[in-house]
Amino acid sequence: MKKRISVLGFCMIFTLAWITWTPNQAFAENKLTWQTYIAGMTRAKDEKKKVLVYFRADWCQYCTVMDRDVFSNPKIIKEIQKNFIPIRVDVDKEKTIATQYQIQGLPTTWFLTQDGRRIGGIPGSFPPEIMANILPYIASDSYLTMTMEDYIAKRKTK
């Protein structure tokens, strides 16, 4: 009888540990942890990473498309986590930051150096395939020496 209880207890503990640990770990790996503007800029300096600043609003249907199709894509998430600090700015709640970047339409995505200098901004919604080209182009500093078109052509020949 004691053996049954201890086997049953072990199974219950193992199951509970698996339920609470595995999904949470997988969930964390497959989801971006967006930073606030101030926290993200501080992390970028500390970690010496470039910054992706995503301007959006809850009412923006194209922002919802970007959230669903681009920022939930596992390959995009992996590339951002590796090379960038992701910052999400709600333009309705953080109007000063949106004004600072002269945001006129949503969504808009800006890329910055680790010390906050602007690399470039992209207005509008676009598919994950475009983001999949932009991220390594910015991360590798190729934007300093070639156009995006040349970078894509070079990647295709490899």
C-alpha atoms as a PDB file:
ATOM      1  CA  MET A   1       0.000   0.000   0.000  1.00  0.00           C
ATOM      2  CA  LYS A   2       2.840   2.415   0.893  1.00  0.00           C
ATOM      3  CA  LYS A   3       4.532   1.675  -2.429  1.00  0.00           C
ATOM      4  CA  ARG A   4       1.352   2.589  -4.336  1.00  0.00           C
ATOM      5  CA  ILE A   5       1.023   5.885  -2.481  1.00  0.00           C
ATOM      6  CA  SER A   6       4.645   6.865  -3.089  1.00  0.00           C
ATOM      7  CA  VAL A   7       4.425   5.954  -6.806  1.00  0.00           C
ATOM      8  CA  LEU A   8       1.167   7.871  -7.058  1.00  0.00           C
ATOM      9  CA  GLY A   9       2.740  10.797  -5.168  1.00  0.00           C
ATOM     10  CA  PHE A  10       5.764  10.786  -7.458  1.00  0.00           C
ATOM     11  CA  CYS A  11       3.531  10.749 -10.539  1.00  0.00           C
ATOM     12  CA  MET A  12       1.472  13.639  -9.194  1.00  0.00           C
ATOM     13  CA  ILE A  13       4.574  15.713  -8.387  1.00  0.00           C
ATOM     14  CA  PHE A  14       6.134  14.936 -11.770  1.00  0.00           C
ATOM     15  CA  THR A  15       2.913  15.843 -13.600  1.00  0.00           C
ATOM     16  CA  LEU A  16       2.512  19.059 -11.645  1.00  0.00           C
ATOM     17  CA  ALA A  17       6.129  20.040 -12.319  1.00  0.00           C
ATOM     18  CA  TRP A  18       5.747  19.263 -16.027  1.00  0.00           C
ATOM     19  CA  ILE A  19       2.518  21.252 -16.334  1.00  0.00           C
ATOM     20  CA  THR A  20       3.905  24.319 -14.597  1.00  0.00           C
ATOM     21  CA  TRP A  21       7.404  24.306 -16.120  1.00  0.00           C
ATOM     22  CA  THR A  22       7.276  23.077 -19.737  1.00  0.00           C
ATOM     23  CA  PRO A  23       4.492  25.238 -21.191  1.00  0.00           C
ATOM     24  CA  ASN A  24       5.771  28.365 -19.476  1.00  0.00           C
ATOM     25  CA  GLN A  25       9.293  27.811 -20.782  1.00  0.00           C
ATOM     26  CA  ALA A  26       8.052  27.139 -24.314  1.00  0.00           C
ATOM     27  CA  PHE A  27       5.746  30.144 -24.099  1.00  0.00           C
ATOM     28  CA  ALA A  28       8.599  32.429 -23.005  1.00  0.00           C
ATOM     29  CA  GLU A  29      10.814  31.246 -25.857  1.00  0.00           C
ATOM     30  CA  ASN A  30       8.103  31.839 -28.462  1.00  0.00           C
ATOM     31  CA  LYS A  31       6.974  35.261 -27.388  1.00  0.00           C
ATOM     32  CA  LEU A  32       8.701  38.615 -27.446  1.00  0.00           C
ATOM     33  CA  THR A  33       9.211  40.329 -24.135  1.00  0.00           C
ATOM     34  CA  TRP A  34       8.496  43.914 -25.075  1.00  0.00           C
ATOM     35  CA  GLN A  35      10.241  46.610 -23.082  1.00  0.00           C
ATOM     36  CA  THR A  36       9.079  50.083 -22.193  1.00  0.00           C
ATOM     37  CA  TYR A  37      10.965  52.850 -23.959  1.00  0.00           C
ATOM     38  CA  ILE A  38      13.141  53.887 -21.006  1.00  0.00           C
ATOM     39  CA  ALA A  39      13.868  50.329 -19.831  1.00  0.00           C
ATOM     40  CA  GLY A  40      14.594  49.166 -23.370  1.00  0.00           C
ATOM     41  CA  MET A  41      16.994  51.996 -24.142  1.00  0.00           C
ATOM     42  CA  THR A  42      18.843  51.293 -20.886  1.00  0.00           C
ATOM     43  CA  ARG A  43      19.074  47.572 -21.717  1.00  0.00           C
ATOM     44  CA  ALA A  44      20.325  48.359 -25.224  1.00  0.00           C
ATOM     45  CA  LYS A  45      23.247  50.319 -23.800  1.00  0.00           C
ATOM     46  CA  ASP A  46      23.992  47.685 -21.155  1.00  0.00           C
ATOM     47  CA  GLU A  47      23.734  44.717 -23.542  1.00  0.00           C
ATOM     48  CA  LYS A  48      25.224  46.570 -26.539  1.00  0.00           C
ATOM     49  CA  LYS A  49      22.315  45.612 -28.796  1.00  0.00           C
ATOM     50  CA  LYS A  50      20.442  47.526 -31.442  1.00  0.00           C
ATOM     51  CA  VAL A  51      16.848  48.543 -30.757  1.00  0.00           C
ATOM     52  CA  LEU A  52      13.604  47.789 -32.553  1.00  0.00           C
ATOM     53  CA  VAL A  53      10.919  50.331 -31.583  1.00  0.00           C
ATOM     54  CA  TYR A  54       7.419  49.323 -32.619  1.00  0.00           C
ATOM     55  CA  PHE A  55       4.809  52.101 -32.541  1.00  0.00           C
ATOM     56  CA  ARG A  56       1.233  50.849 -32.359  1.00  0.00           C
ATOM     57  CA  ALA A  57      -2.234  51.401 -30.879  1.00  0.00           C
ATOM     58  CA  ASP A  58      -4.924  49.001 -29.704  1.00  0.00           C
ATOM     59  CA  TRP A  59      -7.458  50.353 -32.220  1.00  0.00           C
ATOM     60  CA  CYS A  60      -5.097  49.924 -35.205  1.00  0.00           C
ATOM     61  CA  GLN A  61      -6.132  46.914 -37.303  1.00  0.00           C
ATOM     62  CA  TYR A  62      -2.828  46.860 -39.209  1.00  0.00           C
ATOM     63  CA  CYS A  63      -1.000  46.753 -35.868  1.00  0.00           C
ATOM     64  CA  THR A  64      -3.032  43.665 -35.013  1.00  0.00           C
ATOM     65  CA  VAL A  65      -1.895  42.114 -38.297  1.00  0.00           C
ATOM     66  CA  MET A  66       1.753  42.895 -37.480  1.00  0.00           C
ATOM     67  CA  ASP A  67       1.344  41.446 -33.982  1.00  0.00           C
ATOM     68  CA  ARG A  68      -0.241  38.277 -35.341  1.00  0.00           C
ATOM     69  CA  ASP A  69       1.801  37.673 -38.499  1.00  0.00           C
ATOM     70  CA  VAL A  70       5.202  39.225 -37.831  1.00  0.00           C
ATOM     71  CA  PHE A  71       5.859  39.532 -34.109  1.00  0.00           C
ATOM     72  CA  SER A  72       4.419  36.074 -33.378  1.00  0.00           C
ATOM     73  CA  ASN A  73       6.517  34.347 -36.041  1.00  0.00           C
ATOM     74  CA  PRO A  74       9.063  32.045 -34.320  1.00  0.00           C
ATOM     75  CA  LYS A  75      11.894  32.882 -36.768  1.00  0.00           C
ATOM     76  CA  ILE A  76      11.311  36.618 -36.330  1.00  0.00           C
ATOM     77  CA  ILE A  77      11.136  36.268 -32.554  1.00  0.00           C
ATOM     78  CA  LYS A  78      14.415  34.324 -32.484  1.00  0.00           C
ATOM     79  CA  GLU A  79      16.218  36.941 -34.608  1.00  0.00           C
ATOM     80  CA  ILE A  80      14.887  39.838 -32.522  1.00  0.00           C
ATOM     81  CA  GLN A  81      15.797  38.156 -29.242  1.00  0.00           C
ATOM     82  CA  LYS A  82      19.308  37.436 -30.527  1.00  0.00           C
ATOM     83  CA  ASN A  83      20.189  40.864 -31.917  1.00  0.00           C
ATOM     84  CA  PHE A  84      17.750  43.523 -30.710  1.00  0.00           C
ATOM     85  CA  ILE A  85      16.018  44.961 -27.699  1.00  0.00           C
ATOM     86  CA  PRO A  86      12.314  45.111 -28.623  1.00  0.00           C
ATOM     87  CA  ILE A  87      10.421  48.190 -27.441  1.00  0.00           C
ATOM     88  CA  ARG A  88       6.696  48.627 -27.948  1.00  0.00           C
ATOM     89  CA  VAL A  89       5.222  52.115 -27.746  1.00  0.00           C
ATOM     90  CA  ASP A  90       1.465  52.651 -27.464  1.00  0.00           C
ATOM     91  CA  VAL A  91       1.049  56.015 -29.204  1.00  0.00           C
ATOM     92  CA  ASP A  92      -2.136  56.805 -27.265  1.00  0.00           C
ATOM     93  CA  LYS A  93      -0.414  56.376 -23.910  1.00  0.00           C
ATOM     94  CA  GLU A  94       3.075  57.625 -24.824  1.00  0.00           C
ATOM     95  CA  LYS A  95       2.369  60.633 -27.023  1.00  0.00           C
ATOM     96  CA  THR A  96       5.649  62.382 -26.234  1.00  0.00           C
ATOM     97  CA  ILE A  97       7.714  59.489 -27.582  1.00  0.00           C
ATOM     98  CA  ALA A  98       5.501  59.207 -30.680  1.00  0.00           C
ATOM     99  CA  THR A  99       5.947  62.938 -31.302  1.00  0.00           C
ATOM    100  CA  GLN A 100       9.711  62.649 -30.824  1.00  0.00           C
ATOM    101  CA  TYR A 101       9.800  60.112 -33.683  1.00  0.00           C
ATOM    102  CA  GLN A 102       7.277  62.086 -35.770  1.00  0.00           C
ATOM    103  CA  ILE A 103       4.900  59.142 -36.005  1.00  0.00           C
ATOM    104  CA  GLN A 104       2.181  59.995 -38.509  1.00  0.00           C
ATOM    105  CA  GLY A 105       0.777  56.546 -39.312  1.00  0.00           C
ATOM    106  CA  LEU A 106       0.515  53.175 -37.664  1.00  0.00           C
ATOM    107  CA  PRO A 107       2.141  50.824 -37.338  1.00  0.00           C
ATOM    108  CA  THR A 108       5.645  52.239 -37.657  1.00  0.00           C
ATOM    109  CA  THR A 109       8.852  50.384 -36.844  1.00  0.00           C
ATOM    110  CA  TRP A 110      12.107  52.193 -36.063  1.00  0.00           C
ATOM    111  CA  PHE A 111      15.580  50.734 -35.723  1.00  0.00           C
ATOM    112  CA  LEU A 112      18.144  52.420 -33.481  1.00  0.00           C
ATOM    113  CA  THR A 113      21.756  51.882 -32.537  1.00  0.00           C
ATOM    114  CA  GLN A 114      22.559  50.791 -28.982  1.00  0.00           C
ATOM    115  CA  ASP A 115      23.096  54.430 -28.021  1.00  0.00           C
ATOM    116  CA  GLY A 116      19.804  55.602 -29.511  1.00  0.00           C
ATOM    117  CA  ARG A 117      20.890  56.999 -32.880  1.00  0.00           C
ATOM    118  CA  ARG A 118      18.319  56.431 -35.579  1.00  0.00           C
ATOM    119  CA  ILE A 119      19.123  53.899 -38.259  1.00  0.00           C
ATOM    120  CA  GLY A 120      15.798  54.104 -40.061  1.00  0.00           C
ATOM    121  CA  GLY A 121      12.058  53.775 -39.829  1.00  0.00           C
ATOM    122  CA  ILE A 122       9.519  51.742 -41.781  1.00  0.00           C
ATOM    123  CA  PRO A 123       5.907  52.920 -41.909  1.00  0.00           C
ATOM    124  CA  GLY A 124       3.047  50.495 -42.312  1.00  0.00           C
ATOM    125  CA  SER A 125       2.344  46.820 -42.027  1.00  0.00           C
ATOM    126  CA  PHE A 126       4.417  44.283 -43.950  1.00  0.00           C
ATOM    127  CA  PRO A 127       4.741  40.488 -44.090  1.00  0.00           C
ATOM    128  CA  PRO A 128       7.184  38.400 -42.054  1.00  0.00           C
ATOM    129  CA  GLU A 129       9.310  37.713 -45.155  1.00  0.00           C
ATOM    130  CA  ILE A 130      10.245  41.382 -45.334  1.00  0.00           C
ATOM    131  CA  MET A 131      11.062  41.553 -41.627  1.00  0.00           C
ATOM    132  CA  ALA A 132      13.143  38.380 -42.050  1.00  0.00           C
ATOM    133  CA  ASN A 133      15.361  40.320 -44.483  1.00  0.00           C
ATOM    134  CA  ILE A 134      15.411  43.601 -42.569  1.00  0.00           C
ATOM    135  CA  LEU A 135      16.523  42.163 -39.221  1.00  0.00           C
ATOM    136  CA  PRO A 136      19.835  40.617 -40.370  1.00  0.00           C
ATOM    137  CA  TYR A 137      20.456  43.602 -42.671  1.00  0.00           C
ATOM    138  CA  ILE A 138      20.331  45.926 -39.652  1.00  0.00           C
ATOM    139  CA  ALA A 139      21.952  43.495 -37.173  1.00  0.00           C
ATOM    140  CA  SER A 140      24.968  42.880 -39.418  1.00  0.00           C
ATOM    141  CA  ASP A 141      25.552  46.615 -40.004  1.00  0.00           C
ATOM    142  CA  SER A 142      25.120  45.999 -43.740  1.00  0.00           C
ATOM    143  CA  TYR A 143      22.980  49.141 -43.873  1.00  0.00           C
ATOM    144  CA  LEU A 144      26.240  51.094 -43.489  1.00  0.00           C
ATOM    145  CA  THR A 145      27.761  49.768 -46.716  1.00  0.00           C
ATOM    146  CA  MET A 146      24.961  48.667 -49.077  1.00  0.00           C
ATOM    147  CA  THR A 147      21.329  49.126 -49.963  1.00  0.00           C
ATOM    148  CA  MET A 148      18.683  46.693 -48.813  1.00  0.00           C
ATOM    149  CA  GLU A 149      18.230  45.527 -52.412  1.00  0.00           C
ATOM    150  CA  ASP A 150      21.952  44.741 -52.724  1.00  0.00           C
ATOM    151  CA  TYR A 151      21.885  42.925 -49.398  1.00  0.00           C
ATOM    152  CA  ILE A 152      18.950  40.727 -50.465  1.00  0.00           C
ATOM    153  CA  ALA A 153      20.604  39.985 -53.820  1.00  0.00           C
ATOM    154  CA  LYS A 154      23.843  39.048 -52.046  1.00  0.00           C
ATOM    155  CA  ARG A 155      21.970  36.723 -49.669  1.00  0.00           C
ATOM    156  CA  LYS A 156      20.239  34.974 -52.576  1.00  0.00           C
ATOM    157  CA  THR A 157      23.567  34.153 -54.220  1.00  0.00           C
ATOM    158  CA  LYS A 158      24.884  32.439 -51.085  1.00  0.00           C
END
